[in-house]
Amino acid sequence: MPSDDLGLPVNVPAPVRRVVSLVPAVTEMLFAIGAGPQVAAVSSYDDFPPDVAGLPRVGALLDPDVERILALRPDLVISYGSQTSLQSQLASARVPVFDYRHAGLEGIFDTLHRLGPAVGRRSEAERLISDLRAQLGRVRTRVRGKARPRTLLVFGREPGSLRGLYVSGGRGFLHDMLEIAGGVDVFADVDRESVQPSQETLLARAPEVILEVRAKGLAGGADAPAQERRVWSRLFSIPAVKSDRIHFLSGDYLVVPGPRVGRATEDFARALHPDAFQ
């Protein structure tokens, strides 16, 4: 019997014909394992794959529309582990819940391993796990033996400013991807997924590479990369700034812990070790 992230059984009817997903990463997984036709509705923030464009929207992490979810008569609802109120209401309505918890790369594989049987796609899910592990293995092979630069992985800040800075800590899928891609996370010793460092801390950590990832491209057109590099020039004593090893990567696939992590990890590696891909 499929289990949730707490190891508890999920009483899912067979076959599952109608799935409501409030988790974009899991929505991608469902389509990737061939369960797209079973998806009846998605969250307000789902935009991949393109097939989700015409599906009903039922809110998201903070504003799930319980009435609309129930009106869709789902066989299974994919929810975040923190949505305890929603889960209680669904339990009262006898709607099975697949409880998703954000984690590192192994968490993606674990989710797929549990999701496949829950929606009648066990073999497809296991095949995707195998393909993803192979992709990541190829990246590891490419960068093997290369010097591993101390890297600051940035996934959030105010445009044109160093305010509101969010960077990868030593836990989570972004950290794991960076390590596989041949970098050393400068905040690997911080046991959190995200860190909000001061400029003084950045100077002390002295990254050799700054890798910025964004779901959407830089605002400002063709001049945007040069403008954003100038923002970092305020910290001119950082090795990455001195050597101009500042890379901007854009695309939603870079920040979603789902089936496209292999592609994203390779893009990290290409930025850190371009010579390994010539």
C-alpha atoms as a PDB file:
ATOM      1  CA  MET A   1       0.000   0.000   0.000  1.00  0.00           C
ATOM      2  CA  PRO A   2       1.394   3.480  -0.847  1.00  0.00           C
ATOM      3  CA  SER A   3       2.653   5.532   2.111  1.00  0.00           C
ATOM      4  CA  ASP A   4       2.894   9.241   2.790  1.00  0.00           C
ATOM      5  CA  ASP A   5       6.043  11.087   3.894  1.00  0.00           C
ATOM      6  CA  LEU A   6       5.420  10.047   7.486  1.00  0.00           C
ATOM      7  CA  GLY A   7       5.378   6.389   6.489  1.00  0.00           C
ATOM      8  CA  LEU A   8       1.613   6.148   7.117  1.00  0.00           C
ATOM      9  CA  PRO A   9      -0.613   4.257   4.670  1.00  0.00           C
ATOM     10  CA  VAL A  10      -2.561   6.187   2.069  1.00  0.00           C
ATOM     11  CA  ASN A  11      -5.893   4.488   1.360  1.00  0.00           C
ATOM     12  CA  VAL A  12      -6.133   5.189  -2.360  1.00  0.00           C
ATOM     13  CA  PRO A  13      -8.897   3.636  -4.444  1.00  0.00           C
ATOM     14  CA  ALA A  14      -7.817   1.676  -7.489  1.00  0.00           C
ATOM     15  CA  PRO A  15      -7.748   2.804 -10.148  1.00  0.00           C
ATOM     16  CA  VAL A  16      -7.159   6.494  -9.411  1.00  0.00           C
ATOM     17  CA  ARG A  17      -8.923   8.497 -12.101  1.00  0.00           C
ATOM     18  CA  ARG A  18      -9.040  12.016 -10.662  1.00  0.00           C
ATOM     19  CA  VAL A  19      -6.038  13.631  -8.973  1.00  0.00           C
ATOM     20  CA  VAL A  20      -5.909  17.191  -7.650  1.00  0.00           C
ATOM     21  CA  SER A  21      -2.365  18.494  -7.172  1.00  0.00           C
ATOM     22  CA  LEU A  22      -1.545  21.542  -5.074  1.00  0.00           C
ATOM     23  CA  VAL A  23       2.208  20.976  -5.518  1.00  0.00           C
ATOM     24  CA  PRO A  24       3.736  22.090  -8.864  1.00  0.00           C
ATOM     25  CA  ALA A  25       6.742  19.770  -8.490  1.00  0.00           C
ATOM     26  CA  VAL A  26       4.442  16.779  -8.055  1.00  0.00           C
ATOM     27  CA  THR A  27       2.233  17.920 -10.934  1.00  0.00           C
ATOM     28  CA  GLU A  28       5.320  17.694 -13.147  1.00  0.00           C
ATOM     29  CA  MET A  29       6.029  14.228 -11.792  1.00  0.00           C
ATOM     30  CA  LEU A  30       2.479  13.083 -12.572  1.00  0.00           C
ATOM     31  CA  PHE A  31       2.773  14.164 -16.196  1.00  0.00           C
ATOM     32  CA  ALA A  32       6.297  12.755 -16.487  1.00  0.00           C
ATOM     33  CA  ILE A  33       5.122   9.279 -15.461  1.00  0.00           C
ATOM     34  CA  GLY A  34       2.159   9.328 -17.831  1.00  0.00           C
ATOM     35  CA  ALA A  35      -0.524  10.229 -15.281  1.00  0.00           C
ATOM     36  CA  GLY A  36      -1.383  13.559 -16.928  1.00  0.00           C
ATOM     37  CA  PRO A  37      -4.836  12.359 -18.084  1.00  0.00           C
ATOM     38  CA  GLN A  38      -5.646  11.594 -14.442  1.00  0.00           C
ATOM     39  CA  VAL A  39      -4.957  15.172 -13.258  1.00  0.00           C
ATOM     40  CA  ALA A  40      -8.278  16.930 -12.676  1.00  0.00           C
ATOM     41  CA  ALA A  41      -6.995  20.232 -11.249  1.00  0.00           C
ATOM     42  CA  VAL A  42      -3.791  21.976 -10.233  1.00  0.00           C
ATOM     43  CA  SER A  43      -2.583  24.821  -8.046  1.00  0.00           C
ATOM     44  CA  SER A  44      -2.630  28.524  -8.869  1.00  0.00           C
ATOM     45  CA  TYR A  45       1.111  28.405  -9.579  1.00  0.00           C
ATOM     46  CA  ASP A  46       1.291  25.448 -11.967  1.00  0.00           C
ATOM     47  CA  ASP A  47       2.524  26.321 -15.447  1.00  0.00           C
ATOM     48  CA  PHE A  48       4.466  23.229 -16.534  1.00  0.00           C
ATOM     49  CA  PRO A  49       4.011  21.170 -18.552  1.00  0.00           C
ATOM     50  CA  PRO A  50       1.936  23.268 -20.976  1.00  0.00           C
ATOM     51  CA  ASP A  51      -0.866  20.686 -20.666  1.00  0.00           C
ATOM     52  CA  VAL A  52      -1.868  22.223 -17.315  1.00  0.00           C
ATOM     53  CA  ALA A  53      -2.942  25.500 -18.940  1.00  0.00           C
ATOM     54  CA  GLY A  54      -6.536  24.418 -19.401  1.00  0.00           C
ATOM     55  CA  LEU A  55      -7.002  22.701 -16.050  1.00  0.00           C
ATOM     56  CA  PRO A  56      -9.076  24.121 -13.166  1.00  0.00           C
ATOM     57  CA  ARG A  57      -7.148  26.007 -10.457  1.00  0.00           C
ATOM     58  CA  VAL A  58      -7.835  25.252  -6.797  1.00  0.00           C
ATOM     59  CA  GLY A  59      -5.593  27.640  -4.853  1.00  0.00           C
ATOM     60  CA  ALA A  60      -2.162  26.865  -3.491  1.00  0.00           C
ATOM     61  CA  LEU A  61      -0.162  26.414  -0.298  1.00  0.00           C
ATOM     62  CA  LEU A  62      -1.749  29.272   1.642  1.00  0.00           C
ATOM     63  CA  ASP A  63      -5.187  29.484   0.026  1.00  0.00           C
ATOM     64  CA  PRO A  64      -6.511  26.050  -0.992  1.00  0.00           C
ATOM     65  CA  ASP A  65     -10.114  26.201  -2.199  1.00  0.00           C
ATOM     66  CA  VAL A  66     -11.566  23.264  -0.270  1.00  0.00           C
ATOM     67  CA  GLU A  67     -15.064  23.599  -1.686  1.00  0.00           C
ATOM     68  CA  ARG A  68     -13.813  23.535  -5.247  1.00  0.00           C
ATOM     69  CA  ILE A  69     -11.505  20.604  -4.535  1.00  0.00           C
ATOM     70  CA  LEU A  70     -14.378  18.575  -3.097  1.00  0.00           C
ATOM     71  CA  ALA A  71     -16.682  19.571  -5.953  1.00  0.00           C
ATOM     72  CA  LEU A  72     -14.201  17.954  -8.369  1.00  0.00           C
ATOM     73  CA  ARG A  73     -14.718  14.606  -6.565  1.00  0.00           C
ATOM     74  CA  PRO A  74     -11.017  13.637  -6.538  1.00  0.00           C
ATOM     75  CA  ASP A  75      -9.762  10.129  -5.823  1.00  0.00           C
ATOM     76  CA  LEU A  76      -6.527  11.624  -4.489  1.00  0.00           C
ATOM     77  CA  VAL A  77      -5.292  15.092  -3.442  1.00  0.00           C
ATOM     78  CA  ILE A  78      -1.590  15.980  -3.438  1.00  0.00           C
ATOM     79  CA  SER A  79      -0.947  18.454  -0.609  1.00  0.00           C
ATOM     80  CA  TYR A  80       1.973  19.974   1.261  1.00  0.00           C
ATOM     81  CA  GLY A  81       2.767  18.468   4.637  1.00  0.00           C
ATOM     82  CA  SER A  82       2.143  21.838   6.278  1.00  0.00           C
ATOM     83  CA  GLN A  83      -1.468  21.999   5.017  1.00  0.00           C
ATOM     84  CA  THR A  84      -2.799  20.274   8.110  1.00  0.00           C
ATOM     85  CA  SER A  85      -6.156  22.066   8.114  1.00  0.00           C
ATOM     86  CA  LEU A  86      -6.824  21.093   4.507  1.00  0.00           C
ATOM     87  CA  GLN A  87      -5.796  17.517   5.232  1.00  0.00           C
ATOM     88  CA  SER A  88      -8.185  17.333   8.183  1.00  0.00           C
ATOM     89  CA  GLN A  89     -11.078  18.591   6.051  1.00  0.00           C
ATOM     90  CA  LEU A  90     -10.272  16.110   3.303  1.00  0.00           C
ATOM     91  CA  ALA A  91     -10.054  13.295   5.845  1.00  0.00           C
ATOM     92  CA  SER A  92     -13.505  14.241   7.125  1.00  0.00           C
ATOM     93  CA  ALA A  93     -14.763  13.995   3.542  1.00  0.00           C
ATOM     94  CA  ARG A  94     -12.982  10.626   3.147  1.00  0.00           C
ATOM     95  CA  VAL A  95     -10.707  11.932   0.390  1.00  0.00           C
ATOM     96  CA  PRO A  96      -7.245  10.272   0.347  1.00  0.00           C
ATOM     97  CA  VAL A  97      -4.276  12.624   0.671  1.00  0.00           C
ATOM     98  CA  PHE A  98      -0.729  12.224  -0.626  1.00  0.00           C
ATOM     99  CA  ASP A  99       1.360  14.221   1.859  1.00  0.00           C
ATOM    100  CA  TYR A 100       4.339  15.945   0.174  1.00  0.00           C
ATOM    101  CA  ARG A 101       7.385  17.225   2.067  1.00  0.00           C
ATOM    102  CA  HIS A 102      10.078  19.371   0.481  1.00  0.00           C
ATOM    103  CA  ALA A 103      13.535  17.764   0.736  1.00  0.00           C
ATOM    104  CA  GLY A 104      16.789  17.127  -1.121  1.00  0.00           C
ATOM    105  CA  LEU A 105      17.360  15.181  -4.321  1.00  0.00           C
ATOM    106  CA  GLU A 106      16.741  11.881  -2.573  1.00  0.00           C
ATOM    107  CA  GLY A 107      13.379  13.293  -1.531  1.00  0.00           C
ATOM    108  CA  ILE A 108      12.474  13.631  -5.218  1.00  0.00           C
ATOM    109  CA  PHE A 109      13.248   9.966  -5.796  1.00  0.00           C
ATOM    110  CA  ASP A 110      11.340   8.966  -2.674  1.00  0.00           C
ATOM    111  CA  THR A 111       8.306  10.975  -3.783  1.00  0.00           C
ATOM    112  CA  LEU A 112       8.359   9.330  -7.209  1.00  0.00           C
ATOM    113  CA  HIS A 113       8.776   5.911  -5.624  1.00  0.00           C
ATOM    114  CA  ARG A 114       5.597   6.452  -3.582  1.00  0.00           C
ATOM    115  CA  LEU A 115       3.670   8.399  -6.208  1.00  0.00           C
ATOM    116  CA  GLY A 116       3.894   5.781  -8.945  1.00  0.00           C
ATOM    117  CA  PRO A 117       1.978   3.048  -7.113  1.00  0.00           C
ATOM    118  CA  ALA A 118      -0.490   5.605  -5.725  1.00  0.00           C
ATOM    119  CA  VAL A 119      -1.658   6.511  -9.248  1.00  0.00           C
ATOM    120  CA  GLY A 120      -1.149   3.134 -10.909  1.00  0.00           C
ATOM    121  CA  ARG A 121       2.127   4.114 -12.603  1.00  0.00           C
ATOM    122  CA  ARG A 122       4.712   2.138 -10.642  1.00  0.00           C
ATOM    123  CA  SER A 123       6.866   1.003 -13.566  1.00  0.00           C
ATOM    124  CA  GLU A 124       6.826   4.437 -15.206  1.00  0.00           C
ATOM    125  CA  ALA A 125       7.907   6.090 -11.954  1.00  0.00           C
ATOM    126  CA  GLU A 126      10.737   3.622 -11.432  1.00  0.00           C
ATOM    127  CA  ARG A 127      11.876   4.190 -15.015  1.00  0.00           C
ATOM    128  CA  LEU A 128      11.946   7.953 -14.444  1.00  0.00           C
ATOM    129  CA  ILE A 129      13.955   7.485 -11.239  1.00  0.00           C
ATOM    130  CA  SER A 130      16.461   5.393 -13.171  1.00  0.00           C
ATOM    131  CA  ASP A 131      16.692   7.984 -15.955  1.00  0.00           C
ATOM    132  CA  LEU A 132      17.224  10.843 -13.503  1.00  0.00           C
ATOM    133  CA  ARG A 133      19.927   8.966 -11.611  1.00  0.00           C
ATOM    134  CA  ALA A 134      21.640   8.248 -14.920  1.00  0.00           C
ATOM    135  CA  GLN A 135      21.496  11.942 -15.896  1.00  0.00           C
ATOM    136  CA  LEU A 136      23.025  12.981 -12.597  1.00  0.00           C
ATOM    137  CA  GLY A 137      25.632  10.248 -12.925  1.00  0.00           C
ATOM    138  CA  ARG A 138      26.701  11.590 -16.302  1.00  0.00           C
ATOM    139  CA  VAL A 139      27.155  15.066 -14.812  1.00  0.00           C
ATOM    140  CA  ARG A 140      29.292  13.620 -12.007  1.00  0.00           C
ATOM    141  CA  THR A 141      31.451  11.846 -14.576  1.00  0.00           C
ATOM    142  CA  ARG A 142      31.932  15.025 -16.615  1.00  0.00           C
ATOM    143  CA  VAL A 143      33.229  17.057 -13.668  1.00  0.00           C
ATOM    144  CA  ARG A 144      35.199  14.286 -11.969  1.00  0.00           C
ATOM    145  CA  GLY A 145      38.737  15.395 -11.216  1.00  0.00           C
ATOM    146  CA  LYS A 146      37.990  19.076 -11.781  1.00  0.00           C
ATOM    147  CA  ALA A 147      38.892  21.655  -9.143  1.00  0.00           C
ATOM    148  CA  ARG A 148      35.751  22.331  -7.120  1.00  0.00           C
ATOM    149  CA  PRO A 149      35.245  26.100  -6.752  1.00  0.00           C
ATOM    150  CA  ARG A 150      33.734  27.509  -3.574  1.00  0.00           C
ATOM    151  CA  THR A 151      30.361  28.640  -4.849  1.00  0.00           C
ATOM    152  CA  LEU A 152      27.669  30.991  -3.607  1.00  0.00           C
ATOM    153  CA  LEU A 153      24.347  29.736  -4.972  1.00  0.00           C
ATOM    154  CA  VAL A 154      21.845  32.609  -4.988  1.00  0.00           C
ATOM    155  CA  PHE A 155      18.154  31.951  -5.621  1.00  0.00           C
ATOM    156  CA  GLY A 156      16.636  35.228  -4.501  1.00  0.00           C
ATOM    157  CA  ARG A 157      17.430  38.935  -4.160  1.00  0.00           C
ATOM    158  CA  GLU A 158      15.961  42.291  -5.063  1.00  0.00           C
ATOM    159  CA  PRO A 159      16.860  43.249  -8.673  1.00  0.00           C
ATOM    160  CA  GLY A 160      19.532  45.921  -8.798  1.00  0.00           C
ATOM    161  CA  SER A 161      20.373  45.426  -5.141  1.00  0.00           C
ATOM    162  CA  LEU A 162      22.015  43.052  -2.684  1.00  0.00           C
ATOM    163  CA  ARG A 163      18.994  43.344  -0.388  1.00  0.00           C
ATOM    164  CA  GLY A 164      16.659  40.432   0.210  1.00  0.00           C
ATOM    165  CA  LEU A 165      19.419  37.944  -0.527  1.00  0.00           C
ATOM    166  CA  TYR A 166      18.586  34.243  -0.233  1.00  0.00           C
ATOM    167  CA  VAL A 167      21.300  31.662  -0.825  1.00  0.00           C
ATOM    168  CA  SER A 168      21.600  27.910  -0.562  1.00  0.00           C
ATOM    169  CA  GLY A 169      22.561  26.412   2.767  1.00  0.00           C
ATOM    170  CA  GLY A 170      23.868  22.904   3.355  1.00  0.00           C
ATOM    171  CA  ARG A 171      20.551  21.116   2.908  1.00  0.00           C
ATOM    172  CA  GLY A 172      18.012  20.785   0.105  1.00  0.00           C
ATOM    173  CA  PHE A 173      17.862  19.888  -3.563  1.00  0.00           C
ATOM    174  CA  LEU A 174      19.686  23.028  -4.773  1.00  0.00           C
ATOM    175  CA  HIS A 175      22.614  22.260  -2.477  1.00  0.00           C
ATOM    176  CA  ASP A 176      22.673  18.655  -3.690  1.00  0.00           C
ATOM    177  CA  MET A 177      22.610  19.754  -7.341  1.00  0.00           C
ATOM    178  CA  LEU A 178      25.486  22.161  -6.768  1.00  0.00           C
ATOM    179  CA  GLU A 179      27.622  19.452  -5.186  1.00  0.00           C
ATOM    180  CA  ILE A 180      26.961  17.031  -8.058  1.00  0.00           C
ATOM    181  CA  ALA A 181      27.746  19.815 -10.556  1.00  0.00           C
ATOM    182  CA  GLY A 182      31.252  20.128  -9.155  1.00  0.00           C
ATOM    183  CA  GLY A 183      30.951  23.056  -6.782  1.00  0.00           C
ATOM    184  CA  VAL A 184      31.454  23.450  -3.053  1.00  0.00           C
ATOM    185  CA  ASP A 185      28.625  25.278  -1.340  1.00  0.00           C
ATOM    186  CA  VAL A 186      30.160  28.081   0.744  1.00  0.00           C
ATOM    187  CA  PHE A 187      27.333  27.621   3.256  1.00  0.00           C
ATOM    188  CA  ALA A 188      27.516  23.829   3.342  1.00  0.00           C
ATOM    189  CA  ASP A 189      28.088  23.966   7.098  1.00  0.00           C
ATOM    190  CA  VAL A 190      24.725  25.661   7.706  1.00  0.00           C
ATOM    191  CA  ASP A 191      22.072  22.967   8.187  1.00  0.00           C
ATOM    192  CA  ARG A 192      19.280  24.866   6.454  1.00  0.00           C
ATOM    193  CA  GLU A 193      17.915  25.039   2.926  1.00  0.00           C
ATOM    194  CA  SER A 194      18.267  28.815   2.760  1.00  0.00           C
ATOM    195  CA  VAL A 195      20.484  31.442   4.347  1.00  0.00           C
ATOM    196  CA  GLN A 196      20.093  35.224   4.414  1.00  0.00           C
ATOM    197  CA  PRO A 197      23.708  36.355   4.751  1.00  0.00           C
ATOM    198  CA  SER A 198      24.948  39.841   5.497  1.00  0.00           C
ATOM    199  CA  GLN A 199      27.474  41.468   3.187  1.00  0.00           C
ATOM    200  CA  GLU A 200      30.083  41.014   5.915  1.00  0.00           C
ATOM    201  CA  THR A 201      29.381  37.282   5.942  1.00  0.00           C
ATOM    202  CA  LEU A 202      29.705  37.111   2.170  1.00  0.00           C
ATOM    203  CA  LEU A 203      33.080  38.805   2.365  1.00  0.00           C
ATOM    204  CA  ALA A 204      34.198  36.330   5.014  1.00  0.00           C
ATOM    205  CA  ARG A 205      33.002  33.297   3.023  1.00  0.00           C
ATOM    206  CA  ALA A 206      34.902  34.542  -0.059  1.00  0.00           C
ATOM    207  CA  PRO A 207      33.189  32.532  -2.817  1.00  0.00           C
ATOM    208  CA  GLU A 208      35.183  31.861  -5.963  1.00  0.00           C
ATOM    209  CA  VAL A 209      32.019  31.630  -8.080  1.00  0.00           C
ATOM    210  CA  ILE A 210      28.618  33.277  -7.737  1.00  0.00           C
ATOM    211  CA  LEU A 211      25.833  31.311  -9.385  1.00  0.00           C
ATOM    212  CA  GLU A 212      22.436  33.021  -9.512  1.00  0.00           C
ATOM    213  CA  VAL A 213      19.363  31.029 -10.499  1.00  0.00           C
ATOM    214  CA  ARG A 214      16.006  32.598 -11.240  1.00  0.00           C
ATOM    215  CA  ALA A 215      12.687  31.161 -12.327  1.00  0.00           C
ATOM    216  CA  LYS A 216      12.285  34.081 -14.726  1.00  0.00           C
ATOM    217  CA  GLY A 217      14.883  36.008 -16.700  1.00  0.00           C
ATOM    218  CA  LEU A 218      16.614  39.180 -15.602  1.00  0.00           C
ATOM    219  CA  ALA A 219      14.499  42.286 -16.025  1.00  0.00           C
ATOM    220  CA  GLY A 220      16.012  45.019 -18.153  1.00  0.00           C
ATOM    221  CA  GLY A 221      16.682  43.358 -21.511  1.00  0.00           C
ATOM    222  CA  ALA A 222      20.071  42.766 -23.075  1.00  0.00           C
ATOM    223  CA  ASP A 223      21.871  45.069 -20.617  1.00  0.00           C
ATOM    224  CA  ALA A 224      20.520  43.277 -17.564  1.00  0.00           C
ATOM    225  CA  PRO A 225      23.443  40.864 -16.963  1.00  0.00           C
ATOM    226  CA  ALA A 226      25.980  43.715 -17.070  1.00  0.00           C
ATOM    227  CA  GLN A 227      23.808  45.804 -14.742  1.00  0.00           C
ATOM    228  CA  GLU A 228      23.431  42.971 -12.248  1.00  0.00           C
ATOM    229  CA  ARG A 229      27.175  42.266 -12.333  1.00  0.00           C
ATOM    230  CA  ARG A 230      27.737  45.891 -11.361  1.00  0.00           C
ATOM    231  CA  VAL A 231      25.569  45.283  -8.292  1.00  0.00           C
ATOM    232  CA  TRP A 232      28.053  42.651  -7.141  1.00  0.00           C
ATOM    233  CA  SER A 233      30.989  45.012  -7.794  1.00  0.00           C
ATOM    234  CA  ARG A 234      30.214  46.635  -4.439  1.00  0.00           C
ATOM    235  CA  LEU A 235      31.814  43.543  -2.922  1.00  0.00           C
ATOM    236  CA  PHE A 236      34.917  43.856  -5.098  1.00  0.00           C
ATOM    237  CA  SER A 237      37.188  41.970  -2.703  1.00  0.00           C
ATOM    238  CA  ILE A 238      35.225  38.716  -3.151  1.00  0.00           C
ATOM    239  CA  PRO A 239      37.242  36.400  -5.441  1.00  0.00           C
ATOM    240  CA  ALA A 240      34.236  35.671  -7.674  1.00  0.00           C
ATOM    241  CA  VAL A 241      33.754  39.404  -8.283  1.00  0.00           C
ATOM    242  CA  LYS A 242      37.465  40.024  -8.893  1.00  0.00           C
ATOM    243  CA  SER A 243      37.615  37.265 -11.513  1.00  0.00           C
ATOM    244  CA  ASP A 244      34.141  38.021 -12.922  1.00  0.00           C
ATOM    245  CA  ARG A 245      32.967  34.469 -12.280  1.00  0.00           C
ATOM    246  CA  ILE A 246      29.347  35.501 -11.846  1.00  0.00           C
ATOM    247  CA  HIS A 247      26.784  33.442 -13.728  1.00  0.00           C
ATOM    248  CA  PHE A 248      23.061  34.074 -14.215  1.00  0.00           C
ATOM    249  CA  LEU A 249      20.832  31.123 -15.090  1.00  0.00           C
ATOM    250  CA  SER A 250      17.125  31.568 -15.790  1.00  0.00           C
ATOM    251  CA  GLY A 251      14.286  29.087 -16.076  1.00  0.00           C
ATOM    252  CA  ASP A 252      11.633  27.625 -13.813  1.00  0.00           C
ATOM    253  CA  TYR A 253      13.182  24.161 -14.182  1.00  0.00           C
ATOM    254  CA  LEU A 254      16.174  25.390 -12.147  1.00  0.00           C
ATOM    255  CA  VAL A 255      14.169  25.880  -8.967  1.00  0.00           C
ATOM    256  CA  VAL A 256      11.557  23.103  -9.085  1.00  0.00           C
ATOM    257  CA  PRO A 257      12.414  19.803  -7.336  1.00  0.00           C
ATOM    258  CA  GLY A 258      10.922  17.631 -10.040  1.00  0.00           C
ATOM    259  CA  PRO A 259      11.699  15.647 -13.189  1.00  0.00           C
ATOM    260  CA  ARG A 260      13.878  18.373 -14.739  1.00  0.00           C
ATOM    261  CA  VAL A 261      16.553  18.376 -12.011  1.00  0.00           C
ATOM    262  CA  GLY A 262      18.940  16.443 -14.246  1.00  0.00           C
ATOM    263  CA  ARG A 263      18.842  19.177 -16.865  1.00  0.00           C
ATOM    264  CA  ALA A 264      19.218  21.865 -14.189  1.00  0.00           C
ATOM    265  CA  THR A 265      22.207  20.125 -12.600  1.00  0.00           C
ATOM    266  CA  GLU A 266      23.925  19.895 -15.962  1.00  0.00           C
ATOM    267  CA  ASP A 267      23.373  23.635 -16.473  1.00  0.00           C
ATOM    268  CA  PHE A 268      24.990  24.270 -13.082  1.00  0.00           C
ATOM    269  CA  ALA A 269      27.934  22.140 -14.167  1.00  0.00           C
ATOM    270  CA  ARG A 270      28.255  23.892 -17.525  1.00  0.00           C
ATOM    271  CA  ALA A 271      28.501  27.237 -15.712  1.00  0.00           C
ATOM    272  CA  LEU A 272      31.080  25.977 -13.206  1.00  0.00           C
ATOM    273  CA  HIS A 273      33.115  23.785 -15.592  1.00  0.00           C
ATOM    274  CA  PRO A 274      32.509  24.864 -19.203  1.00  0.00           C
ATOM    275  CA  ASP A 275      35.651  23.045 -20.354  1.00  0.00           C
ATOM    276  CA  ALA A 276      34.141  19.714 -19.263  1.00  0.00           C
ATOM    277  CA  PHE A 277      31.421  20.072 -21.914  1.00  0.00           C
ATOM    278  CA  GLN A 278      33.467  21.169 -24.924  1.00  0.00           C
END
